[in-house]
């Protein structure tokens, strides 16, 4: 029993150490920060989970065409931004607040086997505060990142989960893939950033591995 516990602790330590080490060896280091930025976006972190935050409308994409307001209970009519995150289906739907978190749900998500969902919220500017990190993008980078998000929709179609909401301005959608220890909400966020040419860690299982090379910002 002691050897089993010791082995588990060692594996957890290796997992965390690898993630931390790769922060110091980021991808896309040749990309000049803030150079030629044409779209201002953000990464939003709650300390555990990260979302992309994009303008609702831009030359590259109108997110209302993909996530129509009819899928939401009462989204703010003056929303300027859309927050999009990917995660474990059961965890998303059964853990609306941290008070609902249980050890079995956490381990169930990490063990894998559950389908993924996208969580989408329409937000006002004043709802973006603590936990926001500046993500200045060129038009080409933004188009790449938007395409990455759309690719998470099965067959490119946004299918809402009926009755699934945390509040009046969010909705859940079916998504490609499944969550596990090596494919977390943050690895999904980080992969999109790497593909778009943003400087970010080569592996991002934790929120800080996504935001380490970004600047905190108040939109």
N, C-alpha and C. Protein backbone atom coordinates (compact mmCIF):
# COMPACT_ATOMS: atom_id res chain seq x y z
N UNK A 1 0.84 -1.21 0.00
CA UNK A 1 0.00 0.00 0.00
C UNK A 1 0.87 1.26 0.00
N UNK A 2 1.92 1.24 0.83
CA UNK A 2 2.80 2.40 0.91
C UNK A 2 3.49 2.66 -0.41
N UNK A 3 3.92 1.56 -1.10
CA UNK A 3 4.58 1.72 -2.38
C UNK A 3 3.61 2.25 -3.44
N UNK A 4 2.37 1.80 -3.36
CA UNK A 4 1.35 2.29 -4.30
C UNK A 4 1.12 3.78 -4.12
N UNK A 5 1.00 4.21 -2.87
CA UNK A 5 0.80 5.63 -2.57
C UNK A 5 2.01 6.45 -3.00
N UNK A 6 3.20 5.91 -2.72
CA UNK A 6 4.42 6.61 -3.11
C UNK A 6 4.51 6.75 -4.63
N UNK A 7 4.13 5.69 -5.34
CA UNK A 7 4.14 5.75 -6.80
C UNK A 7 3.16 6.77 -7.33
N UNK A 8 1.98 6.86 -6.71
CA UNK A 8 0.97 7.84 -7.12
C UNK A 8 1.48 9.25 -6.91
N UNK A 9 2.07 9.49 -5.75
CA UNK A 9 2.62 10.82 -5.45
C UNK A 9 3.72 11.18 -6.44
N UNK A 10 4.56 10.20 -6.79
CA UNK A 10 5.64 10.45 -7.73
C UNK A 10 5.10 10.81 -9.11
N UNK A 11 4.04 10.13 -9.54
CA UNK A 11 3.45 10.41 -10.85
C UNK A 11 2.82 11.80 -10.87
N UNK A 12 2.15 12.16 -9.78
CA UNK A 12 1.56 13.49 -9.69
C UNK A 12 2.66 14.55 -9.74
N UNK A 13 3.74 14.29 -9.02
CA UNK A 13 4.86 15.23 -9.02
C UNK A 13 5.48 15.38 -10.39
N UNK A 14 5.62 14.25 -11.12
CA UNK A 14 6.17 14.30 -12.47
C UNK A 14 5.25 15.09 -13.41
N UNK A 15 3.96 14.88 -13.27
CA UNK A 15 2.96 15.59 -14.08
C UNK A 15 3.09 17.10 -13.89
N UNK A 16 3.10 17.53 -12.64
CA UNK A 16 3.18 18.96 -12.33
C UNK A 16 4.54 19.52 -12.74
N UNK A 17 5.62 18.79 -12.47
CA UNK A 17 6.96 19.27 -12.80
C UNK A 17 7.13 19.43 -14.30
N UNK A 18 6.59 18.49 -15.07
CA UNK A 18 6.68 18.59 -16.53
C UNK A 18 5.94 19.82 -17.04
N UNK A 19 4.74 20.05 -16.52
CA UNK A 19 3.96 21.22 -16.92
C UNK A 19 4.71 22.51 -16.60
N UNK A 20 5.31 22.57 -15.41
CA UNK A 20 6.04 23.78 -14.99
C UNK A 20 7.29 23.98 -15.84
N UNK A 21 8.00 22.89 -16.13
CA UNK A 21 9.22 23.00 -16.92
C UNK A 21 8.93 23.50 -18.33
N UNK A 22 7.83 23.04 -18.92
CA UNK A 22 7.51 23.42 -20.29
C UNK A 22 7.07 24.87 -20.41
N UNK A 23 6.66 25.47 -19.28
CA UNK A 23 6.36 26.90 -19.29
C UNK A 23 7.60 27.69 -19.69
N UNK A 24 8.76 27.18 -19.30
CA UNK A 24 10.02 27.87 -19.57
C UNK A 24 10.54 27.59 -20.98
N UNK A 25 9.83 26.77 -21.74
CA UNK A 25 10.21 26.43 -23.12
C UNK A 25 8.98 26.63 -24.01
N UNK A 26 8.53 27.87 -24.15
CA UNK A 26 7.27 28.12 -24.85
C UNK A 26 7.39 27.96 -26.37
N UNK A 27 6.26 27.79 -26.98
CA UNK A 27 6.17 27.77 -28.44
C UNK A 27 5.97 29.19 -28.95
N UNK A 28 6.35 29.41 -30.20
CA UNK A 28 6.13 30.69 -30.89
C UNK A 28 6.83 31.87 -30.22
N UNK A 29 8.03 31.64 -29.73
CA UNK A 29 8.76 32.73 -29.08
C UNK A 29 9.20 33.80 -30.06
N UNK A 30 9.22 33.46 -31.35
CA UNK A 30 9.63 34.43 -32.35
C UNK A 30 8.54 35.45 -32.64
N UNK A 31 7.32 35.20 -32.15
CA UNK A 31 6.22 36.12 -32.42
C UNK A 31 6.37 37.38 -31.57
N UNK A 32 6.55 38.54 -32.20
CA UNK A 32 6.69 39.78 -31.43
C UNK A 32 5.38 40.13 -30.74
N UNK A 33 5.43 40.33 -29.42
CA UNK A 33 4.21 40.63 -28.67
C UNK A 33 3.65 41.99 -29.05
N UNK A 34 2.34 42.00 -29.25
CA UNK A 34 1.58 43.23 -29.53
C UNK A 34 1.91 43.84 -30.88
N UNK A 35 2.77 43.18 -31.69
CA UNK A 35 3.13 43.75 -32.99
C UNK A 35 2.01 43.52 -33.99
N UNK A 36 1.52 44.58 -34.58
CA UNK A 36 0.50 44.46 -35.61
C UNK A 36 -0.83 43.97 -35.09
N UNK A 37 -1.13 44.18 -33.81
CA UNK A 37 -2.39 43.70 -33.24
C UNK A 37 -3.56 44.43 -33.89
N UNK A 38 -4.51 43.67 -34.40
CA UNK A 38 -5.68 44.24 -35.07
C UNK A 38 -6.99 43.86 -34.37
N UNK A 39 -6.95 42.82 -33.54
CA UNK A 39 -8.12 42.39 -32.78
C UNK A 39 -7.70 42.24 -31.32
N UNK A 40 -8.43 42.88 -30.42
CA UNK A 40 -8.13 42.72 -29.00
C UNK A 40 -9.05 41.66 -28.41
N UNK A 41 -8.45 40.57 -27.99
CA UNK A 41 -9.17 39.49 -27.31
C UNK A 41 -8.53 39.28 -25.95
N UNK A 42 -9.05 38.33 -25.19
CA UNK A 42 -8.51 38.04 -23.87
C UNK A 42 -8.59 36.55 -23.58
N UNK A 43 -7.77 36.11 -22.65
CA UNK A 43 -7.96 34.82 -22.00
C UNK A 43 -8.45 35.13 -20.59
N UNK A 44 -9.53 34.48 -20.19
CA UNK A 44 -10.12 34.72 -18.87
C UNK A 44 -9.93 33.48 -18.00
N UNK A 45 -9.32 33.68 -16.83
CA UNK A 45 -9.06 32.56 -15.91
C UNK A 45 -9.78 32.79 -14.59
N UNK A 46 -10.38 31.71 -14.06
CA UNK A 46 -10.97 31.79 -12.72
C UNK A 46 -10.04 31.18 -11.68
N UNK A 47 -8.78 30.93 -12.07
CA UNK A 47 -7.82 30.33 -11.18
C UNK A 47 -7.63 28.85 -11.41
N UNK A 48 -8.54 28.25 -12.18
CA UNK A 48 -8.46 26.82 -12.50
C UNK A 48 -8.70 26.59 -14.00
N UNK A 49 -9.69 27.26 -14.53
CA UNK A 49 -10.18 27.04 -15.89
C UNK A 49 -9.98 28.31 -16.73
N UNK A 50 -9.70 28.14 -18.01
CA UNK A 50 -9.53 29.29 -18.91
C UNK A 50 -10.56 29.27 -20.04
N UNK A 51 -10.99 30.47 -20.42
CA UNK A 51 -11.87 30.68 -21.57
C UNK A 51 -11.21 31.67 -22.52
N UNK A 52 -11.57 31.56 -23.79
CA UNK A 52 -11.28 32.64 -24.73
C UNK A 52 -12.36 33.70 -24.57
N UNK A 53 -11.99 34.96 -24.73
CA UNK A 53 -12.96 36.05 -24.78
C UNK A 53 -12.71 36.84 -26.05
N UNK A 54 -13.73 36.87 -26.92
CA UNK A 54 -13.62 37.52 -28.22
C UNK A 54 -14.67 38.62 -28.36
N UNK A 55 -14.43 39.58 -29.27
CA UNK A 55 -15.51 40.52 -29.60
C UNK A 55 -16.68 39.75 -30.21
N UNK A 56 -17.89 40.16 -29.88
CA UNK A 56 -19.06 39.46 -30.43
C UNK A 56 -19.05 39.50 -31.95
N UNK A 57 -18.71 40.66 -32.51
CA UNK A 57 -18.66 40.80 -33.96
C UNK A 57 -17.32 41.40 -34.37
N UNK A 58 -16.82 40.96 -35.50
CA UNK A 58 -15.60 41.53 -36.08
C UNK A 58 -15.60 41.20 -37.57
N UNK A 59 -14.58 41.67 -38.26
CA UNK A 59 -14.48 41.38 -39.69
C UNK A 59 -14.28 39.89 -39.94
N UNK A 60 -13.69 39.19 -38.96
CA UNK A 60 -13.38 37.77 -39.14
C UNK A 60 -14.58 36.87 -38.88
N UNK A 61 -15.38 37.20 -37.88
CA UNK A 61 -16.48 36.31 -37.49
C UNK A 61 -17.53 37.07 -36.70
N UNK A 62 -18.78 36.69 -36.92
CA UNK A 62 -19.91 37.17 -36.12
C UNK A 62 -20.38 35.97 -35.31
N UNK A 63 -20.05 35.96 -34.01
CA UNK A 63 -20.36 34.79 -33.20
C UNK A 63 -21.85 34.57 -33.01
N UNK A 64 -22.65 35.61 -33.22
CA UNK A 64 -24.10 35.45 -33.12
C UNK A 64 -24.64 34.51 -34.18
N UNK A 65 -23.90 34.37 -35.28
CA UNK A 65 -24.32 33.44 -36.33
C UNK A 65 -24.08 31.99 -35.91
N UNK A 66 -23.17 31.78 -34.99
CA UNK A 66 -22.86 30.43 -34.54
C UNK A 66 -23.59 30.09 -33.24
N UNK A 67 -23.70 31.07 -32.34
CA UNK A 67 -24.34 30.87 -31.05
C UNK A 67 -25.46 31.90 -30.90
N UNK A 68 -26.61 31.65 -31.52
CA UNK A 68 -27.69 32.65 -31.56
C UNK A 68 -28.28 32.90 -30.18
N UNK A 69 -28.78 34.12 -30.00
CA UNK A 69 -29.30 34.53 -28.70
C UNK A 69 -30.49 33.70 -28.25
N UNK A 70 -31.18 33.05 -29.17
CA UNK A 70 -32.33 32.24 -28.79
C UNK A 70 -31.94 31.04 -27.93
N UNK A 71 -30.65 30.67 -27.95
CA UNK A 71 -30.18 29.55 -27.13
C UNK A 71 -29.94 29.94 -25.68
N UNK A 72 -30.07 31.24 -25.38
CA UNK A 72 -29.76 31.77 -24.05
C UNK A 72 -31.05 32.29 -23.40
N UNK A 73 -31.08 32.27 -22.08
CA UNK A 73 -32.30 32.70 -21.38
C UNK A 73 -32.54 34.20 -21.55
N UNK A 74 -31.56 35.01 -21.17
CA UNK A 74 -31.70 36.47 -21.24
C UNK A 74 -30.32 37.11 -21.35
N UNK A 75 -29.65 36.94 -22.47
CA UNK A 75 -28.31 37.53 -22.63
C UNK A 75 -28.41 39.05 -22.65
N UNK A 76 -27.40 39.75 -22.14
CA UNK A 76 -27.45 41.21 -22.13
C UNK A 76 -27.48 41.76 -23.56
N UNK A 77 -28.42 42.64 -23.87
CA UNK A 77 -28.53 43.16 -25.23
C UNK A 77 -27.32 43.99 -25.65
N UNK A 78 -26.58 44.51 -24.66
CA UNK A 78 -25.42 45.33 -24.97
C UNK A 78 -24.10 44.55 -24.77
N UNK A 79 -24.17 43.23 -24.82
CA UNK A 79 -22.96 42.42 -24.67
C UNK A 79 -21.96 42.75 -25.77
N UNK A 80 -20.72 42.98 -25.39
CA UNK A 80 -19.65 43.27 -26.35
C UNK A 80 -18.77 42.06 -26.62
N UNK A 81 -18.79 41.08 -25.70
CA UNK A 81 -17.86 39.97 -25.79
C UNK A 81 -18.55 38.63 -25.63
N UNK A 82 -17.88 37.61 -26.12
CA UNK A 82 -18.34 36.24 -25.95
C UNK A 82 -17.20 35.45 -25.33
N UNK A 83 -17.50 34.69 -24.27
CA UNK A 83 -16.52 33.83 -23.62
C UNK A 83 -16.81 32.39 -24.03
N UNK A 84 -15.76 31.68 -24.45
CA UNK A 84 -15.93 30.31 -24.93
C UNK A 84 -14.89 29.41 -24.27
N UNK A 85 -15.36 28.36 -23.63
CA UNK A 85 -14.47 27.39 -23.01
C UNK A 85 -14.89 25.98 -23.34
N UNK A 86 -13.97 25.05 -23.20
CA UNK A 86 -14.20 23.63 -23.48
C UNK A 86 -13.95 22.85 -22.21
N UNK A 87 -14.73 21.79 -21.96
CA UNK A 87 -14.50 21.03 -20.75
C UNK A 87 -15.30 19.75 -20.69
N UNK A 88 -15.14 19.04 -19.58
CA UNK A 88 -15.78 17.76 -19.35
C UNK A 88 -17.28 17.93 -19.19
N UNK A 89 -18.06 17.11 -19.89
CA UNK A 89 -19.51 17.23 -19.88
C UNK A 89 -20.11 17.09 -18.48
N UNK A 90 -19.75 16.01 -17.79
CA UNK A 90 -20.34 15.76 -16.49
C UNK A 90 -19.91 16.83 -15.47
N UNK A 91 -18.65 17.20 -15.54
CA UNK A 91 -18.16 18.23 -14.61
C UNK A 91 -18.87 19.54 -14.85
N UNK A 92 -18.98 19.94 -16.11
CA UNK A 92 -19.66 21.19 -16.45
C UNK A 92 -21.10 21.20 -15.93
N UNK A 93 -21.83 20.15 -16.23
CA UNK A 93 -23.26 20.16 -15.93
C UNK A 93 -23.57 19.93 -14.46
N UNK A 94 -22.71 19.21 -13.75
CA UNK A 94 -22.99 18.86 -12.36
C UNK A 94 -22.26 19.74 -11.34
N UNK A 95 -21.42 20.68 -11.82
CA UNK A 95 -20.65 21.52 -10.90
C UNK A 95 -20.81 22.99 -11.27
N UNK A 96 -22.01 23.53 -11.10
CA UNK A 96 -22.21 24.95 -11.44
C UNK A 96 -21.43 25.91 -10.56
N UNK A 97 -21.11 25.50 -9.32
CA UNK A 97 -20.30 26.33 -8.42
C UNK A 97 -19.25 25.43 -7.78
N UNK A 98 -18.21 26.07 -7.20
CA UNK A 98 -17.17 25.28 -6.53
C UNK A 98 -17.73 24.53 -5.33
N UNK A 99 -18.82 25.00 -4.77
CA UNK A 99 -19.44 24.30 -3.65
C UNK A 99 -19.99 22.94 -4.06
N UNK A 100 -20.24 22.78 -5.37
CA UNK A 100 -20.77 21.51 -5.88
C UNK A 100 -19.67 20.52 -6.24
N UNK A 101 -18.42 20.95 -6.13
CA UNK A 101 -17.31 20.08 -6.49
C UNK A 101 -17.13 18.97 -5.46
N UNK A 102 -17.02 17.75 -5.94
CA UNK A 102 -16.72 16.61 -5.08
C UNK A 102 -15.49 15.89 -5.61
N UNK A 103 -14.85 15.13 -4.76
CA UNK A 103 -13.67 14.39 -5.18
C UNK A 103 -14.00 13.41 -6.28
N UNK A 104 -15.17 12.77 -6.20
CA UNK A 104 -15.53 11.78 -7.22
C UNK A 104 -15.74 12.43 -8.58
N UNK A 105 -16.30 13.64 -8.61
CA UNK A 105 -16.48 14.35 -9.88
C UNK A 105 -15.14 14.77 -10.46
N UNK A 106 -14.25 15.25 -9.60
CA UNK A 106 -12.93 15.67 -10.07
C UNK A 106 -12.16 14.49 -10.63
N UNK A 107 -12.11 13.38 -9.90
CA UNK A 107 -11.38 12.21 -10.37
C UNK A 107 -12.07 11.58 -11.58
N UNK A 108 -13.39 11.67 -11.63
CA UNK A 108 -14.12 11.15 -12.78
C UNK A 108 -13.75 11.89 -14.06
N UNK A 109 -13.60 13.20 -13.97
CA UNK A 109 -13.21 14.00 -15.13
C UNK A 109 -11.79 13.65 -15.57
N UNK A 110 -10.87 13.56 -14.60
CA UNK A 110 -9.47 13.29 -14.92
C UNK A 110 -9.28 11.88 -15.46
N UNK A 111 -10.13 10.95 -15.03
CA UNK A 111 -10.01 9.57 -15.50
C UNK A 111 -10.41 9.43 -16.96
N UNK A 112 -11.20 10.37 -17.44
CA UNK A 112 -11.60 10.34 -18.84
C UNK A 112 -12.84 9.49 -19.07
N UNK A 113 -13.25 9.44 -20.32
CA UNK A 113 -14.42 8.64 -20.69
C UNK A 113 -15.66 9.46 -20.93
N UNK A 114 -15.67 10.73 -20.52
CA UNK A 114 -16.83 11.59 -20.72
C UNK A 114 -16.65 12.46 -21.96
N UNK A 115 -17.75 12.72 -22.63
CA UNK A 115 -17.72 13.64 -23.77
C UNK A 115 -17.47 15.07 -23.29
N UNK A 116 -17.11 15.92 -24.22
CA UNK A 116 -16.84 17.32 -23.91
C UNK A 116 -18.02 18.20 -24.31
N UNK A 117 -18.04 19.38 -23.72
CA UNK A 117 -19.00 20.42 -24.08
C UNK A 117 -18.27 21.74 -24.27
N UNK A 118 -18.88 22.65 -25.03
CA UNK A 118 -18.45 24.04 -25.03
C UNK A 118 -19.38 24.82 -24.11
N UNK A 119 -18.81 25.71 -23.34
CA UNK A 119 -19.58 26.63 -22.50
C UNK A 119 -19.42 28.02 -23.07
N UNK A 120 -20.53 28.67 -23.38
CA UNK A 120 -20.51 29.96 -24.07
C UNK A 120 -21.31 30.98 -23.26
N UNK A 121 -20.74 32.17 -23.06
CA UNK A 121 -21.44 33.24 -22.35
C UNK A 121 -21.28 34.55 -23.12
N UNK A 122 -22.34 35.33 -23.16
CA UNK A 122 -22.27 36.70 -23.69
C UNK A 122 -22.08 37.65 -22.51
N UNK A 123 -21.07 38.53 -22.62
CA UNK A 123 -20.66 39.35 -21.48
C UNK A 123 -20.59 40.83 -21.83
N UNK A 124 -20.91 41.65 -20.84
CA UNK A 124 -20.64 43.07 -20.93
C UNK A 124 -19.17 43.33 -20.59
N UNK A 125 -18.68 44.50 -20.98
CA UNK A 125 -17.29 44.84 -20.68
C UNK A 125 -17.02 44.84 -19.18
N UNK A 126 -17.96 45.35 -18.39
CA UNK A 126 -17.71 45.43 -16.96
C UNK A 126 -17.71 44.08 -16.26
N UNK A 127 -18.03 43.03 -16.99
CA UNK A 127 -17.97 41.68 -16.43
C UNK A 127 -16.59 41.03 -16.63
N UNK A 128 -15.73 41.73 -17.34
CA UNK A 128 -14.36 41.26 -17.53
C UNK A 128 -13.46 42.08 -16.61
N UNK A 129 -12.95 41.45 -15.61
CA UNK A 129 -12.10 42.17 -14.66
C UNK A 129 -10.95 41.31 -14.22
N UNK A 130 -10.93 40.96 -12.97
CA UNK A 130 -9.87 40.12 -12.43
C UNK A 130 -9.84 38.78 -13.15
N UNK A 131 -8.64 38.37 -13.51
CA UNK A 131 -8.48 37.11 -14.22
C UNK A 131 -8.43 37.24 -15.72
N UNK A 132 -8.50 38.46 -16.25
CA UNK A 132 -8.42 38.68 -17.69
C UNK A 132 -6.97 38.94 -18.10
N UNK A 133 -6.55 38.31 -19.19
CA UNK A 133 -5.20 38.48 -19.72
C UNK A 133 -5.29 38.91 -21.17
N UNK A 134 -4.52 39.93 -21.51
CA UNK A 134 -4.58 40.52 -22.83
C UNK A 134 -4.11 39.54 -23.90
N UNK A 135 -4.87 39.47 -24.99
CA UNK A 135 -4.54 38.59 -26.11
C UNK A 135 -4.68 39.38 -27.42
N UNK A 136 -3.71 40.24 -27.72
CA UNK A 136 -3.77 41.00 -28.98
C UNK A 136 -3.44 40.10 -30.16
N UNK A 137 -4.26 40.15 -31.20
CA UNK A 137 -4.13 39.24 -32.33
C UNK A 137 -4.13 40.02 -33.64
N UNK A 138 -3.43 39.50 -34.63
CA UNK A 138 -3.61 39.99 -36.00
C UNK A 138 -4.91 39.40 -36.54
N UNK A 139 -5.38 39.94 -37.64
CA UNK A 139 -6.59 39.39 -38.25
C UNK A 139 -6.39 37.92 -38.62
N UNK A 140 -5.19 37.59 -39.13
CA UNK A 140 -4.92 36.21 -39.52
C UNK A 140 -4.92 35.28 -38.30
N UNK A 141 -4.34 35.72 -37.20
CA UNK A 141 -4.33 34.92 -35.98
C UNK A 141 -5.75 34.71 -35.45
N UNK A 142 -6.53 35.78 -35.48
CA UNK A 142 -7.90 35.66 -34.98
C UNK A 142 -8.72 34.71 -35.84
N UNK A 143 -8.57 34.81 -37.15
CA UNK A 143 -9.28 33.90 -38.05
C UNK A 143 -8.89 32.45 -37.76
N UNK A 144 -7.60 32.22 -37.50
CA UNK A 144 -7.13 30.87 -37.18
C UNK A 144 -7.75 30.38 -35.86
N UNK A 145 -7.79 31.24 -34.87
CA UNK A 145 -8.33 30.86 -33.57
C UNK A 145 -9.85 30.63 -33.65
N UNK A 146 -10.53 31.47 -34.41
CA UNK A 146 -11.98 31.29 -34.59
C UNK A 146 -12.27 29.97 -35.30
N UNK A 147 -11.46 29.62 -36.28
CA UNK A 147 -11.63 28.35 -36.99
C UNK A 147 -11.40 27.17 -36.05
N UNK A 148 -10.44 27.32 -35.14
CA UNK A 148 -10.15 26.28 -34.16
C UNK A 148 -11.37 26.04 -33.26
N UNK A 149 -11.99 27.12 -32.80
CA UNK A 149 -13.18 26.99 -31.96
C UNK A 149 -14.31 26.34 -32.75
N UNK A 150 -14.54 26.77 -33.98
CA UNK A 150 -15.62 26.19 -34.77
C UNK A 150 -15.39 24.71 -35.05
N UNK A 151 -14.12 24.31 -35.14
CA UNK A 151 -13.80 22.90 -35.39
C UNK A 151 -14.17 22.02 -34.21
N UNK A 152 -14.38 22.62 -33.03
CA UNK A 152 -14.80 21.84 -31.86
C UNK A 152 -16.29 21.49 -31.91
N UNK A 153 -17.03 22.09 -32.82
CA UNK A 153 -18.46 21.81 -32.96
C UNK A 153 -18.65 20.61 -33.87
N UNK A 154 -19.35 19.57 -33.46
CA UNK A 154 -19.56 18.40 -34.31
C UNK A 154 -20.18 18.78 -35.64
N UNK A 155 -19.52 18.39 -36.72
CA UNK A 155 -19.97 18.72 -38.08
C UNK A 155 -20.10 20.22 -38.29
N UNK A 156 -19.40 21.01 -37.47
CA UNK A 156 -19.42 22.45 -37.62
C UNK A 156 -20.72 23.10 -37.20
N UNK A 157 -21.60 22.34 -36.51
CA UNK A 157 -22.92 22.85 -36.14
C UNK A 157 -23.02 22.99 -34.63
N UNK A 158 -23.51 24.14 -34.16
CA UNK A 158 -23.68 24.38 -32.73
C UNK A 158 -25.01 23.78 -32.28
N UNK A 159 -24.92 22.72 -31.47
CA UNK A 159 -26.12 22.04 -30.96
C UNK A 159 -26.24 22.31 -29.46
N UNK A 160 -27.19 23.14 -29.03
CA UNK A 160 -27.30 23.48 -27.61
C UNK A 160 -27.81 22.31 -26.78
N UNK A 161 -27.40 22.28 -25.51
CA UNK A 161 -27.91 21.29 -24.55
C UNK A 161 -29.14 21.89 -23.90
N UNK A 162 -30.29 21.34 -24.19
CA UNK A 162 -31.56 21.91 -23.73
C UNK A 162 -31.59 22.00 -22.20
N UNK A 163 -31.94 23.18 -21.71
CA UNK A 163 -32.13 23.39 -20.28
C UNK A 163 -30.86 23.50 -19.46
N UNK A 164 -29.69 23.48 -20.11
CA UNK A 164 -28.42 23.54 -19.38
C UNK A 164 -27.90 24.97 -19.35
N UNK A 165 -27.94 25.59 -18.19
CA UNK A 165 -27.49 26.97 -18.01
C UNK A 165 -26.98 27.15 -16.58
N UNK A 166 -26.00 28.01 -16.40
CA UNK A 166 -25.62 28.47 -15.07
C UNK A 166 -26.38 29.73 -14.69
N UNK A 167 -26.63 30.57 -15.71
CA UNK A 167 -27.32 31.83 -15.48
C UNK A 167 -28.05 32.22 -16.75
N UNK A 168 -28.50 33.46 -16.81
CA UNK A 168 -29.34 33.89 -17.94
C UNK A 168 -28.56 34.17 -19.21
N UNK A 169 -27.24 34.26 -19.11
CA UNK A 169 -26.48 34.68 -20.29
C UNK A 169 -25.49 33.63 -20.78
N UNK A 170 -25.69 32.37 -20.39
CA UNK A 170 -24.80 31.32 -20.87
C UNK A 170 -25.58 30.15 -21.45
N UNK A 171 -24.87 29.30 -22.19
CA UNK A 171 -25.46 28.09 -22.76
C UNK A 171 -24.34 27.07 -22.98
N UNK A 172 -24.72 25.81 -23.08
CA UNK A 172 -23.78 24.73 -23.35
C UNK A 172 -24.08 24.11 -24.71
N UNK A 173 -23.01 23.66 -25.38
CA UNK A 173 -23.14 23.07 -26.71
C UNK A 173 -22.32 21.78 -26.78
N UNK A 174 -22.81 20.87 -27.61
CA UNK A 174 -22.06 19.64 -27.87
C UNK A 174 -20.69 20.00 -28.46
N UNK A 175 -19.69 19.20 -28.12
CA UNK A 175 -18.33 19.48 -28.60
C UNK A 175 -17.62 18.19 -28.94
N UNK A 176 -16.64 18.31 -29.81
CA UNK A 176 -15.79 17.18 -30.17
C UNK A 176 -14.82 16.88 -29.03
N UNK A 177 -14.41 15.62 -28.94
CA UNK A 177 -13.37 15.24 -28.01
C UNK A 177 -13.87 14.82 -26.65
N UNK A 178 -12.93 14.42 -25.81
CA UNK A 178 -13.24 14.00 -24.46
C UNK A 178 -12.17 14.48 -23.50
N UNK A 179 -12.57 14.72 -22.27
CA UNK A 179 -11.69 15.27 -21.25
C UNK A 179 -10.95 14.14 -20.54
N UNK A 180 -9.68 14.36 -20.24
CA UNK A 180 -8.94 13.43 -19.40
C UNK A 180 -7.73 14.14 -18.80
N UNK A 181 -6.90 13.40 -18.11
CA UNK A 181 -5.76 13.97 -17.41
C UNK A 181 -4.83 14.75 -18.33
N UNK A 182 -4.73 14.30 -19.58
CA UNK A 182 -3.80 14.93 -20.52
C UNK A 182 -4.50 15.83 -21.54
N UNK A 183 -5.80 15.83 -21.48
CA UNK A 183 -6.59 16.67 -22.39
C UNK A 183 -7.58 17.45 -21.54
N UNK A 184 -7.10 18.52 -20.93
CA UNK A 184 -7.92 19.32 -20.02
C UNK A 184 -8.49 20.54 -20.73
N UNK A 185 -9.33 21.26 -20.01
CA UNK A 185 -9.88 22.51 -20.56
C UNK A 185 -8.76 23.45 -20.96
N UNK A 186 -7.69 23.45 -20.20
CA UNK A 186 -6.59 24.37 -20.47
C UNK A 186 -5.69 23.90 -21.61
N UNK A 187 -5.55 22.59 -21.80
CA UNK A 187 -4.78 22.13 -22.96
C UNK A 187 -5.51 22.50 -24.24
N UNK A 188 -6.86 22.48 -24.18
CA UNK A 188 -7.65 22.89 -25.35
C UNK A 188 -7.41 24.37 -25.66
N UNK A 189 -7.44 25.20 -24.63
CA UNK A 189 -7.17 26.63 -24.82
C UNK A 189 -5.77 26.85 -25.37
N UNK A 190 -4.78 26.21 -24.75
CA UNK A 190 -3.39 26.40 -25.16
C UNK A 190 -3.12 25.93 -26.58
N UNK A 191 -3.74 24.81 -26.98
CA UNK A 191 -3.50 24.31 -28.33
C UNK A 191 -3.97 25.32 -29.38
N UNK A 192 -5.11 25.92 -29.13
CA UNK A 192 -5.60 26.92 -30.07
C UNK A 192 -4.66 28.11 -30.18
N UNK A 193 -4.12 28.53 -29.05
CA UNK A 193 -3.18 29.65 -29.06
C UNK A 193 -1.91 29.29 -29.81
N UNK A 194 -1.39 28.09 -29.60
CA UNK A 194 -0.18 27.67 -30.32
C UNK A 194 -0.43 27.64 -31.81
N UNK A 195 -1.57 27.09 -32.22
CA UNK A 195 -1.87 27.01 -33.65
C UNK A 195 -2.02 28.39 -34.28
N UNK A 196 -2.44 29.37 -33.47
CA UNK A 196 -2.60 30.73 -33.97
C UNK A 196 -1.30 31.53 -33.90
N UNK A 197 -0.21 30.92 -33.42
CA UNK A 197 1.08 31.60 -33.39
C UNK A 197 1.31 32.46 -32.17
N UNK A 198 0.53 32.25 -31.10
CA UNK A 198 0.68 33.01 -29.86
C UNK A 198 1.75 32.34 -28.99
N UNK A 199 2.56 33.14 -28.32
CA UNK A 199 3.56 32.60 -27.41
C UNK A 199 2.87 32.00 -26.19
N UNK A 200 3.04 30.70 -25.99
CA UNK A 200 2.38 29.99 -24.91
C UNK A 200 3.16 28.71 -24.64
N UNK A 201 2.99 28.15 -23.47
CA UNK A 201 3.67 26.91 -23.12
C UNK A 201 3.33 25.80 -24.11
N UNK A 202 4.24 24.86 -24.26
CA UNK A 202 4.03 23.75 -25.20
C UNK A 202 3.02 22.73 -24.68
N UNK A 203 2.73 22.78 -23.40
CA UNK A 203 1.70 21.91 -22.81
C UNK A 203 1.04 22.70 -21.71
N UNK A 204 -0.28 22.74 -21.70
CA UNK A 204 -0.97 23.66 -20.79
C UNK A 204 -2.07 22.95 -20.00
N UNK A 205 -1.74 22.04 -19.11
CA UNK A 205 -2.80 21.37 -18.34
C UNK A 205 -3.42 22.24 -17.26
N UNK A 206 -2.72 23.31 -16.85
CA UNK A 206 -3.20 24.19 -15.79
C UNK A 206 -3.45 25.59 -16.34
N UNK A 207 -4.24 26.37 -15.63
CA UNK A 207 -4.54 27.71 -16.12
C UNK A 207 -3.29 28.58 -16.20
N UNK A 208 -2.38 28.47 -15.21
CA UNK A 208 -1.20 29.34 -15.23
C UNK A 208 -0.25 29.00 -16.36
N UNK A 209 -0.32 27.76 -16.86
CA UNK A 209 0.54 27.42 -18.01
C UNK A 209 0.03 28.06 -19.29
N UNK A 210 -1.26 28.44 -19.31
CA UNK A 210 -1.82 29.18 -20.45
C UNK A 210 -1.45 30.65 -20.35
N UNK A 211 -1.55 31.23 -19.16
CA UNK A 211 -1.45 32.68 -19.00
C UNK A 211 -0.06 33.18 -18.63
N UNK A 212 0.89 32.28 -18.41
CA UNK A 212 2.21 32.67 -17.91
C UNK A 212 2.87 33.75 -18.76
N UNK A 213 2.76 33.66 -20.07
CA UNK A 213 3.44 34.58 -20.97
C UNK A 213 2.53 35.74 -21.41
N UNK A 214 1.39 35.93 -20.73
CA UNK A 214 0.46 36.99 -21.06
C UNK A 214 0.48 38.06 -19.99
N UNK A 215 -0.03 39.22 -20.33
CA UNK A 215 -0.10 40.33 -19.39
C UNK A 215 -1.51 40.47 -18.83
N UNK A 216 -1.63 40.54 -17.50
CA UNK A 216 -2.96 40.81 -16.93
C UNK A 216 -3.47 42.15 -17.46
N UNK A 217 -4.76 42.21 -17.70
CA UNK A 217 -5.32 43.43 -18.27
C UNK A 217 -6.76 43.60 -17.78
N UNK A 218 -7.16 44.85 -17.68
CA UNK A 218 -8.55 45.16 -17.33
C UNK A 218 -9.21 45.75 -18.58
N UNK A 219 -10.07 44.97 -19.23
CA UNK A 219 -10.67 45.43 -20.49
C UNK A 219 -11.45 46.73 -20.31
